[in-house]
Amino acid sequence: PPQHAPLPAATWQPLRQLTLLRAPAPPGDPSPTGVGIMFTKGSAGPTDPYNIFKLTPGTPAWGAYSQGQLAVGEWLHAVNGVNIHTLISAQVRDLIKGPPHTPVTLTLSPPTPQGYQ
């Protein structure tokens, strides 16, 4: 994907960090797991150069949704300190997934700053 400077932080204040544990894996399955979230690309229009990801309804029985730590409509900005504004969704997913029961830190902002949907 094309490389762009990160979005101005002031656009997205306040940012918050949330550390979650990745889901357990089925017995005998060493595959990476996530935290039970889903996201979709948002934008400020057809010429927006950034990949902005908004949380969408996920797996309510697992993780931060069921515990009230995440809200649908929040925006995801970084995973474990890696800015995701120039990544595609598959790359973001790969950053979130990891060994079962290990921590992952998400940087989030409240729902929709002006101009983004």
C-alpha atoms as a PDB file:
ATOM      1  CA  PRO A   1       0.000   0.000   0.000  1.00  0.00           C
ATOM      2  CA  PRO A   2       1.116   3.607  -0.464  1.00  0.00           C
ATOM      3  CA  GLN A   3       2.928   5.127   2.489  1.00  0.00           C
ATOM      4  CA  HIS A   4       1.583   8.305   4.081  1.00  0.00           C
ATOM      5  CA  ALA A   5       2.352  10.242   7.216  1.00  0.00           C
ATOM      6  CA  PRO A   6       0.211   9.203  10.202  1.00  0.00           C
ATOM      7  CA  LEU A   7      -3.021  11.096  10.684  1.00  0.00           C
ATOM      8  CA  PRO A   8      -2.720  14.136  12.945  1.00  0.00           C
ATOM      9  CA  ALA A   9      -3.341  12.959  16.513  1.00  0.00           C
ATOM     10  CA  ALA A  10      -5.514  15.995  17.264  1.00  0.00           C
ATOM     11  CA  THR A  11      -8.097  14.640  14.815  1.00  0.00           C
ATOM     12  CA  TRP A  12      -8.630  11.598  17.009  1.00  0.00           C
ATOM     13  CA  GLN A  13      -8.358  12.771  20.618  1.00  0.00           C
ATOM     14  CA  PRO A  14      -8.681  11.336  23.111  1.00  0.00           C
ATOM     15  CA  LEU A  15      -6.712   8.196  22.328  1.00  0.00           C
ATOM     16  CA  ARG A  16      -6.704   5.348  24.821  1.00  0.00           C
ATOM     17  CA  GLN A  17      -4.824   2.102  25.096  1.00  0.00           C
ATOM     18  CA  LEU A  18      -6.496  -1.162  26.032  1.00  0.00           C
ATOM     19  CA  THR A  19      -4.593  -4.378  26.681  1.00  0.00           C
ATOM     20  CA  LEU A  20      -6.553  -7.578  26.132  1.00  0.00           C
ATOM     21  CA  LEU A  21      -5.714 -11.270  26.296  1.00  0.00           C
ATOM     22  CA  ARG A  22      -6.049 -13.237  23.102  1.00  0.00           C
ATOM     23  CA  ALA A  23      -8.703 -15.953  23.082  1.00  0.00           C
ATOM     24  CA  PRO A  24      -8.023 -19.528  24.127  1.00  0.00           C
ATOM     25  CA  ALA A  25      -7.445 -22.067  21.362  1.00  0.00           C
ATOM     26  CA  PRO A  26      -9.251 -25.368  21.007  1.00  0.00           C
ATOM     27  CA  PRO A  27      -7.385 -28.204  22.761  1.00  0.00           C
ATOM     28  CA  GLY A  28      -4.366 -29.314  20.734  1.00  0.00           C
ATOM     29  CA  ASP A  29      -4.652 -26.419  18.267  1.00  0.00           C
ATOM     30  CA  PRO A  30      -1.577 -24.125  18.357  1.00  0.00           C
ATOM     31  CA  SER A  31      -3.067 -21.685  15.801  1.00  0.00           C
ATOM     32  CA  PRO A  32      -2.900 -17.941  16.556  1.00  0.00           C
ATOM     33  CA  THR A  33      -6.022 -16.413  18.076  1.00  0.00           C
ATOM     34  CA  GLY A  34      -7.434 -12.896  18.276  1.00  0.00           C
ATOM     35  CA  VAL A  35      -9.492 -10.930  20.777  1.00  0.00           C
ATOM     36  CA  GLY A  36     -12.946 -11.405  19.244  1.00  0.00           C
ATOM     37  CA  ILE A  37     -13.205  -8.060  17.474  1.00  0.00           C
ATOM     38  CA  MET A  38     -14.257  -7.254  13.947  1.00  0.00           C
ATOM     39  CA  PHE A  39     -13.544  -4.056  12.046  1.00  0.00           C
ATOM     40  CA  THR A  40     -14.294  -2.387   8.750  1.00  0.00           C
ATOM     41  CA  LYS A  41     -12.489   0.288   6.753  1.00  0.00           C
ATOM     42  CA  GLY A  42     -13.846   3.797   7.162  1.00  0.00           C
ATOM     43  CA  SER A  43     -12.845   6.924   5.287  1.00  0.00           C
ATOM     44  CA  ALA A  44     -13.340  10.628   4.783  1.00  0.00           C
ATOM     45  CA  GLY A  45     -14.165  10.143   1.119  1.00  0.00           C
ATOM     46  CA  PRO A  46     -12.804   8.670  -2.124  1.00  0.00           C
ATOM     47  CA  THR A  47      -9.531  10.612  -1.991  1.00  0.00           C
ATOM     48  CA  ASP A  48      -8.720   9.684   1.630  1.00  0.00           C
ATOM     49  CA  PRO A  49      -5.202   8.110   1.581  1.00  0.00           C
ATOM     50  CA  TYR A  50      -5.500   6.494   5.011  1.00  0.00           C
ATOM     51  CA  ASN A  51      -6.806   3.129   6.071  1.00  0.00           C
ATOM     52  CA  ILE A  52      -8.952   3.831   9.123  1.00  0.00           C
ATOM     53  CA  PHE A  53     -10.641   0.910  10.846  1.00  0.00           C
ATOM     54  CA  LYS A  54     -13.876   1.131  12.814  1.00  0.00           C
ATOM     55  CA  LEU A  55     -14.933  -1.582  15.268  1.00  0.00           C
ATOM     56  CA  THR A  56     -18.053  -3.435  14.187  1.00  0.00           C
ATOM     57  CA  PRO A  57     -20.134  -5.986  16.092  1.00  0.00           C
ATOM     58  CA  GLY A  58     -17.842  -8.906  16.888  1.00  0.00           C
ATOM     59  CA  THR A  59     -18.023 -12.075  18.890  1.00  0.00           C
ATOM     60  CA  PRO A  60     -20.034 -10.915  21.894  1.00  0.00           C
ATOM     61  CA  ALA A  61     -19.384 -14.024  23.971  1.00  0.00           C
ATOM     62  CA  TRP A  62     -15.644 -13.432  24.076  1.00  0.00           C
ATOM     63  CA  GLY A  63     -13.354 -10.676  25.210  1.00  0.00           C
ATOM     64  CA  ALA A  64     -13.716  -6.966  25.490  1.00  0.00           C
ATOM     65  CA  TYR A  65     -17.206  -6.645  23.997  1.00  0.00           C
ATOM     66  CA  SER A  66     -18.699  -8.907  26.658  1.00  0.00           C
ATOM     67  CA  GLN A  67     -16.770  -7.078  29.383  1.00  0.00           C
ATOM     68  CA  GLY A  68     -17.822  -3.619  28.215  1.00  0.00           C
ATOM     69  CA  GLN A  69     -14.237  -2.579  27.420  1.00  0.00           C
ATOM     70  CA  LEU A  70     -14.896  -1.882  23.720  1.00  0.00           C
ATOM     71  CA  ALA A  71     -17.736  -0.144  21.937  1.00  0.00           C
ATOM     72  CA  VAL A  72     -18.942  -0.619  18.382  1.00  0.00           C
ATOM     73  CA  GLY A  73     -17.939   2.469  16.402  1.00  0.00           C
ATOM     74  CA  GLU A  74     -14.610   3.073  18.156  1.00  0.00           C
ATOM     75  CA  TRP A  75     -11.637   3.604  15.835  1.00  0.00           C
ATOM     76  CA  LEU A  76      -8.512   1.452  15.902  1.00  0.00           C
ATOM     77  CA  HIS A  77      -5.211   3.310  15.396  1.00  0.00           C
ATOM     78  CA  ALA A  78      -2.427   0.986  16.519  1.00  0.00           C
ATOM     79  CA  VAL A  79      -1.796  -2.600  17.575  1.00  0.00           C
ATOM     80  CA  ASN A  80       1.045  -3.159  20.035  1.00  0.00           C
ATOM     81  CA  GLY A  81       2.340   0.319  19.200  1.00  0.00           C
ATOM     82  CA  VAL A  82       2.340  -0.251  15.404  1.00  0.00           C
ATOM     83  CA  ASN A  83       0.463   2.519  13.579  1.00  0.00           C
ATOM     84  CA  ILE A  84      -2.064   0.852  11.264  1.00  0.00           C
ATOM     85  CA  HIS A  85      -3.158   3.858   9.168  1.00  0.00           C
ATOM     86  CA  THR A  86      -1.217   2.638   6.121  1.00  0.00           C
ATOM     87  CA  LEU A  87      -1.985  -1.082   6.505  1.00  0.00           C
ATOM     88  CA  ILE A  88      -4.656  -3.178   4.851  1.00  0.00           C
ATOM     89  CA  SER A  89      -7.160  -5.143   6.917  1.00  0.00           C
ATOM     90  CA  ALA A  90      -5.323  -8.476   6.542  1.00  0.00           C
ATOM     91  CA  GLN A  91      -2.158  -6.882   7.965  1.00  0.00           C
ATOM     92  CA  VAL A  92      -4.114  -5.457  10.912  1.00  0.00           C
ATOM     93  CA  ARG A  93      -5.673  -8.857  11.558  1.00  0.00           C
ATOM     94  CA  ASP A  94      -2.220 -10.467  11.549  1.00  0.00           C
ATOM     95  CA  LEU A  95      -0.988  -7.940  14.124  1.00  0.00           C
ATOM     96  CA  ILE A  96      -3.942  -8.676  16.410  1.00  0.00           C
ATOM     97  CA  LYS A  97      -3.627 -12.454  16.195  1.00  0.00           C
ATOM     98  CA  GLY A  98      -0.973 -14.258  18.215  1.00  0.00           C
ATOM     99  CA  PRO A  99      -0.365 -17.086  20.658  1.00  0.00           C
ATOM    100  CA  PRO A 100      -3.467 -17.919  22.744  1.00  0.00           C
ATOM    101  CA  HIS A 101      -3.756 -16.201  26.148  1.00  0.00           C
ATOM    102  CA  THR A 102      -1.074 -13.588  25.356  1.00  0.00           C
ATOM    103  CA  PRO A 103      -1.638  -9.825  25.610  1.00  0.00           C
ATOM    104  CA  VAL A 104      -2.267  -7.455  22.724  1.00  0.00           C
ATOM    105  CA  THR A 105      -2.556  -3.676  23.161  1.00  0.00           C
ATOM    106  CA  LEU A 106      -4.976  -1.680  21.012  1.00  0.00           C
ATOM    107  CA  THR A 107      -4.897   2.100  20.634  1.00  0.00           C
ATOM    108  CA  LEU A 108      -8.453   3.376  20.193  1.00  0.00           C
ATOM    109  CA  SER A 109     -10.429   6.591  19.920  1.00  0.00           C
ATOM    110  CA  PRO A 110     -14.115   7.372  20.440  1.00  0.00           C
ATOM    111  CA  PRO A 111     -16.590   7.013  17.574  1.00  0.00           C
ATOM    112  CA  THR A 112     -16.371   9.183  14.497  1.00  0.00           C
ATOM    113  CA  PRO A 113     -14.399  12.389  14.401  1.00  0.00           C
ATOM    114  CA  GLN A 114     -15.837  14.986  12.087  1.00  0.00           C
ATOM    115  CA  GLY A 115     -15.576  14.006   8.435  1.00  0.00           C
ATOM    116  CA  TYR A 116     -15.053  10.259   8.928  1.00  0.00           C
ATOM    117  CA  GLN A 117     -17.651   7.527   8.551  1.00  0.00           C
END
